[in-house]
Amino acid sequence: MGSEIKVTENVVSCSDNGQHPLVYINLNDGKARCQYCGQVFTLIDPKDSKAEKEAA
């Protein structure tokens, strides 16, 4: 199973670096998992993303 990736876009793509077909994943529910590799994508507020970068 994949780890969690935080994203700020409502739609993401996943191909596991070419290991499976390219799929687009809709994050309407705020979180979704790739049907091929199990990678989890979590939608976050862009403001939260900026705060994380500034804290680092």
PDB file of N, CA and C in Angstrom:
ATOM      1  N   MET A   1       0.830  -1.181   0.000  1.00  0.00           N
ATOM      2  CA  MET A   1       0.000   0.000   0.000  1.00  0.00           C
ATOM      3  C   MET A   1       0.875   1.245   0.000  1.00  0.00           C
ATOM      4  N   GLY A   2       0.377   2.283  -0.660  1.00  0.00           N
ATOM      5  CA  GLY A   2       1.119   3.520  -0.750  1.00  0.00           C
ATOM      6  C   GLY A   2       0.944   4.394   0.476  1.00  0.00           C
ATOM      7  N   SER A   3       1.793   5.391   0.569  1.00  0.00           N
ATOM      8  CA  SER A   3       1.680   6.349   1.664  1.00  0.00           C
ATOM      9  C   SER A   3       0.720   7.460   1.263  1.00  0.00           C
ATOM     10  N   GLU A   4       0.480   8.377   2.181  1.00  0.00           N
ATOM     11  CA  GLU A   4      -0.443   9.474   1.924  1.00  0.00           C
ATOM     12  C   GLU A   4       0.290  10.647   1.264  1.00  0.00           C
ATOM     13  N   ILE A   5      -0.311  11.190   0.223  1.00  0.00           N
ATOM     14  CA  ILE A   5       0.212  12.379  -0.442  1.00  0.00           C
ATOM     15  C   ILE A   5      -0.825  13.481  -0.287  1.00  0.00           C
ATOM     16  N   LYS A   6      -0.391  14.618   0.274  1.00  0.00           N
ATOM     17  CA  LYS A   6      -1.283  15.760   0.445  1.00  0.00           C
ATOM     18  C   LYS A   6      -1.228  16.613  -0.808  1.00  0.00           C
ATOM     19  N   VAL A   7      -2.408  16.948  -1.342  1.00  0.00           N
ATOM     20  CA  VAL A   7      -2.501  17.719  -2.578  1.00  0.00           C
ATOM     21  C   VAL A   7      -3.493  18.864  -2.409  1.00  0.00           C
ATOM     22  N   THR A   8      -3.366  19.872  -3.276  1.00  0.00           N
ATOM     23  CA  THR A   8      -4.269  21.026  -3.217  1.00  0.00           C
ATOM     24  C   THR A   8      -5.208  21.084  -4.414  1.00  0.00           C
ATOM     25  N   GLU A   9      -5.124  20.121  -5.311  1.00  0.00           N
ATOM     26  CA  GLU A   9      -5.985  20.068  -6.501  1.00  0.00           C
ATOM     27  C   GLU A   9      -7.091  19.045  -6.297  1.00  0.00           C
ATOM     28  N   ASN A  10      -8.265  19.293  -6.906  1.00  0.00           N
ATOM     29  CA  ASN A  10      -9.400  18.372  -6.780  1.00  0.00           C
ATOM     30  C   ASN A  10      -9.256  17.106  -7.605  1.00  0.00           C
ATOM     31  N   VAL A  11      -8.416  17.150  -8.630  1.00  0.00           N
ATOM     32  CA  VAL A  11      -8.184  15.982  -9.478  1.00  0.00           C
ATOM     33  C   VAL A  11      -6.679  15.764  -9.575  1.00  0.00           C
ATOM     34  N   VAL A  12      -6.241  14.532  -9.332  1.00  0.00           N
ATOM     35  CA  VAL A  12      -4.822  14.190  -9.423  1.00  0.00           C
ATOM     36  C   VAL A  12      -4.654  13.025 -10.389  1.00  0.00           C
ATOM     37  N   SER A  13      -3.423  12.828 -10.852  1.00  0.00           N
ATOM     38  CA  SER A  13      -3.141  11.684 -11.714  1.00  0.00           C
ATOM     39  C   SER A  13      -2.137  10.778 -11.013  1.00  0.00           C
ATOM     40  N   CYS A  14      -2.189   9.502 -11.363  1.00  0.00           N
ATOM     41  CA  CYS A  14      -1.274   8.530 -10.775  1.00  0.00           C
ATOM     42  C   CYS A  14      -0.919   7.492 -11.836  1.00  0.00           C
ATOM     43  N   SER A  15       0.356   7.176 -11.929  1.00  0.00           N
ATOM     44  CA  SER A  15       0.808   6.085 -12.796  1.00  0.00           C
ATOM     45  C   SER A  15       1.885   5.265 -12.096  1.00  0.00           C
ATOM     46  N   ASP A  16       2.164   5.598 -10.829  1.00  0.00           N
ATOM     47  CA  ASP A  16       3.203   4.926 -10.044  1.00  0.00           C
ATOM     48  C   ASP A  16       4.508   4.881 -10.829  1.00  0.00           C
ATOM     49  N   ASN A  17       4.894   6.050 -11.359  1.00  0.00           N
ATOM     50  CA  ASN A  17       6.123   6.184 -12.159  1.00  0.00           C
ATOM     51  C   ASN A  17       6.148   5.217 -13.343  1.00  0.00           C
ATOM     52  N   GLY A  18       4.997   5.076 -14.010  1.00  0.00           N
ATOM     53  CA  GLY A  18       4.910   4.233 -15.193  1.00  0.00           C
ATOM     54  C   GLY A  18       4.663   2.764 -14.911  1.00  0.00           C
ATOM     55  N   GLN A  19       4.408   2.421 -13.660  1.00  0.00           N
ATOM     56  CA  GLN A  19       4.209   1.021 -13.296  1.00  0.00           C
ATOM     57  C   GLN A  19       2.796   0.518 -13.573  1.00  0.00           C
ATOM     58  N   HIS A  20       1.865   1.430 -13.793  1.00  0.00           N
ATOM     59  CA  HIS A  20       0.501   1.035 -14.144  1.00  0.00           C
ATOM     60  C   HIS A  20      -0.078   2.112 -15.056  1.00  0.00           C
ATOM     61  N   PRO A  21      -1.232   1.844 -15.685  1.00  0.00           N
ATOM     62  CA  PRO A  21      -1.831   2.849 -16.576  1.00  0.00           C
ATOM     63  C   PRO A  21      -2.095   4.163 -15.847  1.00  0.00           C
ATOM     64  N   LEU A  22      -1.962   5.271 -16.555  1.00  0.00           N
ATOM     65  CA  LEU A  22      -2.243   6.588 -15.997  1.00  0.00           C
ATOM     66  C   LEU A  22      -3.736   6.703 -15.701  1.00  0.00           C
ATOM     67  N   VAL A  23      -4.059   7.055 -14.477  1.00  0.00           N
ATOM     68  CA  VAL A  23      -5.452   7.261 -14.079  1.00  0.00           C
ATOM     69  C   VAL A  23      -5.579   8.636 -13.443  1.00  0.00           C
ATOM     70  N   TYR A  24      -6.761   9.207 -13.564  1.00  0.00           N
ATOM     71  CA  TYR A  24      -7.077  10.476 -12.926  1.00  0.00           C
ATOM     72  C   TYR A  24      -8.040  10.185 -11.783  1.00  0.00           C
ATOM     73  N   ILE A  25      -7.763  10.773 -10.644  1.00  0.00           N
ATOM     74  CA  ILE A  25      -8.525  10.484  -9.429  1.00  0.00           C
ATOM     75  C   ILE A  25      -9.185  11.760  -8.931  1.00  0.00           C
ATOM     76  N   ASN A  26     -10.494  11.706  -8.758  1.00  0.00           N
ATOM     77  CA  ASN A  26     -11.270  12.842  -8.287  1.00  0.00           C
ATOM     78  C   ASN A  26     -11.320  12.803  -6.760  1.00  0.00           C
ATOM     79  N   LEU A  27     -11.020  13.931  -6.117  1.00  0.00           N
ATOM     80  CA  LEU A  27     -10.984  13.990  -4.664  1.00  0.00           C
ATOM     81  C   LEU A  27     -12.187  14.746  -4.096  1.00  0.00           C
ATOM     82  N   ASN A  28     -13.368  14.535  -4.665  1.00  0.00           N
ATOM     83  CA  ASN A  28     -14.583  15.198  -4.179  1.00  0.00           C
ATOM     84  C   ASN A  28     -14.837  14.910  -2.710  1.00  0.00           C
ATOM     85  N   ASP A  29     -14.471  13.731  -2.241  1.00  0.00           N
ATOM     86  CA  ASP A  29     -14.695  13.358  -0.845  1.00  0.00           C
ATOM     87  C   ASP A  29     -13.530  13.765   0.054  1.00  0.00           C
ATOM     88  N   GLY A  30     -12.503  14.403  -0.522  1.00  0.00           N
ATOM     89  CA  GLY A  30     -11.372  14.861   0.267  1.00  0.00           C
ATOM     90  C   GLY A  30     -10.242  13.862   0.366  1.00  0.00           C
ATOM     91  N   LYS A  31     -10.516  12.599   0.027  1.00  0.00           N
ATOM     92  CA  LYS A  31      -9.483  11.558   0.100  1.00  0.00           C
ATOM     93  C   LYS A  31      -9.869  10.446  -0.859  1.00  0.00           C
ATOM     94  N   ALA A  32      -8.880   9.909  -1.557  1.00  0.00           N
ATOM     95  CA  ALA A  32      -9.145   8.797  -2.472  1.00  0.00           C
ATOM     96  C   ALA A  32      -7.884   7.964  -2.627  1.00  0.00           C
ATOM     97  N   ARG A  33      -8.078   6.724  -3.072  1.00  0.00           N
ATOM     98  CA  ARG A  33      -6.984   5.769  -3.231  1.00  0.00           C
ATOM     99  C   ARG A  33      -6.904   5.327  -4.694  1.00  0.00           C
ATOM    100  N   CYS A  34      -5.683   5.221  -5.214  1.00  0.00           N
ATOM    101  CA  CYS A  34      -5.485   4.714  -6.566  1.00  0.00           C
ATOM    102  C   CYS A  34      -5.902   3.251  -6.618  1.00  0.00           C
ATOM    103  N   GLN A  35      -6.694   2.900  -7.614  1.00  0.00           N
ATOM    104  CA  GLN A  35      -7.196   1.527  -7.728  1.00  0.00           C
ATOM    105  C   GLN A  35      -6.102   0.530  -8.099  1.00  0.00           C
ATOM    106  N   TYR A  36      -4.987   1.014  -8.647  1.00  0.00           N
ATOM    107  CA  TYR A  36      -3.909   0.115  -9.063  1.00  0.00           C
ATOM    108  C   TYR A  36      -2.845  -0.086  -7.985  1.00  0.00           C
ATOM    109  N   CYS A  37      -2.310   1.011  -7.439  1.00  0.00           N
ATOM    110  CA  CYS A  37      -1.168   0.896  -6.523  1.00  0.00           C
ATOM    111  C   CYS A  37      -1.520   1.165  -5.064  1.00  0.00           C
ATOM    112  N   GLY A  38      -2.715   1.670  -4.808  1.00  0.00           N
ATOM    113  CA  GLY A  38      -3.125   1.910  -3.435  1.00  0.00           C
ATOM    114  C   GLY A  38      -2.664   3.231  -2.852  1.00  0.00           C
ATOM    115  N   GLN A  39      -1.993   4.054  -3.664  1.00  0.00           N
ATOM    116  CA  GLN A  39      -1.541   5.363  -3.191  1.00  0.00           C
ATOM    117  C   GLN A  39      -2.738   6.180  -2.720  1.00  0.00           C
ATOM    118  N   VAL A  40      -2.634   6.809  -1.550  1.00  0.00           N
ATOM    119  CA  VAL A  40      -3.716   7.609  -0.992  1.00  0.00           C
ATOM    120  C   VAL A  40      -3.412   9.086  -1.219  1.00  0.00           C
ATOM    121  N   PHE A  41      -4.386   9.804  -1.738  1.00  0.00           N
ATOM    122  CA  PHE A  41      -4.279  11.238  -1.968  1.00  0.00           C
ATOM    123  C   PHE A  41      -5.282  11.928  -1.060  1.00  0.00           C
ATOM    124  N   THR A  42      -4.826  12.964  -0.342  1.00  0.00           N
ATOM    125  CA  THR A  42      -5.673  13.707   0.581  1.00  0.00           C
ATOM    126  C   THR A  42      -5.682  15.172   0.174  1.00  0.00           C
ATOM    127  N   LEU A  43      -6.869  15.708   0.002  1.00  0.00           N
ATOM    128  CA  LEU A  43      -7.038  17.102  -0.388  1.00  0.00           C
ATOM    129  C   LEU A  43      -6.865  17.994   0.838  1.00  0.00           C
ATOM    130  N   ILE A  44      -5.991  18.995   0.723  1.00  0.00           N
ATOM    131  CA  ILE A  44      -5.807  19.958   1.804  1.00  0.00           C
ATOM    132  C   ILE A  44      -6.038  21.357   1.256  1.00  0.00           C
ATOM    133  N   ASP A  45      -6.272  22.282   2.133  1.00  0.00           N
ATOM    134  CA  ASP A  45      -6.456  23.685   1.763  1.00  0.00           C
ATOM    135  C   ASP A  45      -5.107  24.257   1.331  1.00  0.00           C
ATOM    136  N   PRO A  46      -5.050  24.973   0.213  1.00  0.00           N
ATOM    137  CA  PRO A  46      -3.774  25.562  -0.228  1.00  0.00           C
ATOM    138  C   PRO A  46      -3.130  26.440   0.842  1.00  0.00           C
ATOM    139  N   LYS A  47      -3.917  27.073   1.690  1.00  0.00           N
ATOM    140  CA  LYS A  47      -3.370  27.892   2.777  1.00  0.00           C
ATOM    141  C   LYS A  47      -2.600  27.020   3.764  1.00  0.00           C
ATOM    142  N   ASP A  48      -3.101  25.805   4.029  1.00  0.00           N
ATOM    143  CA  ASP A  48      -2.411  24.885   4.928  1.00  0.00           C
ATOM    144  C   ASP A  48      -1.078  24.446   4.348  1.00  0.00           C
ATOM    145  N   SER A  49      -1.055  24.230   3.037  1.00  0.00           N
ATOM    146  CA  SER A  49       0.169  23.829   2.348  1.00  0.00           C
ATOM    147  C   SER A  49       1.229  24.906   2.489  1.00  0.00           C
ATOM    148  N   LYS A  50       0.845  26.151   2.318  1.00  0.00           N
ATOM    149  CA  LYS A  50       1.781  27.280   2.432  1.00  0.00           C
ATOM    150  C   LYS A  50       2.314  27.385   3.850  1.00  0.00           C
ATOM    151  N   ALA A  51       1.455  27.193   4.856  1.00  0.00           N
ATOM    152  CA  ALA A  51       1.880  27.266   6.249  1.00  0.00           C
ATOM    153  C   ALA A  51       2.887  26.172   6.581  1.00  0.00           C
ATOM    154  N   GLU A  52       2.685  24.958   6.025  1.00  0.00           N
ATOM    155  CA  GLU A  52       3.614  23.853   6.253  1.00  0.00           C
ATOM    156  C   GLU A  52       4.988  24.176   5.685  1.00  0.00           C
ATOM    157  N   LYS A  53       5.033  24.755   4.490  1.00  0.00           N
ATOM    158  CA  LYS A  53       6.302  25.103   3.847  1.00  0.00           C
ATOM    159  C   LYS A  53       7.037  26.179   4.643  1.00  0.00           C
ATOM    160  N   GLU A  54       6.285  27.155   5.172  1.00  0.00           N
ATOM    161  CA  GLU A  54       6.902  28.244   5.927  1.00  0.00           C
ATOM    162  C   GLU A  54       7.436  27.745   7.269  1.00  0.00           C
ATOM    163  N   ALA A  55       6.804  26.739   7.845  1.00  0.00           N
ATOM    164  CA  ALA A  55       7.238  26.204   9.139  1.00  0.00           C
ATOM    165  C   ALA A  55       8.500  25.351   9.009  1.00  0.00           C
ATOM    166  N   ALA A  56       8.754  24.847   7.827  1.00  0.00           N
ATOM    167  CA  ALA A  56       9.903  23.943   7.609  1.00  0.00           C
ATOM    168  C   ALA A  56      11.225  24.656   7.618  1.00  0.00           C
TER     169      ALA A  56
END
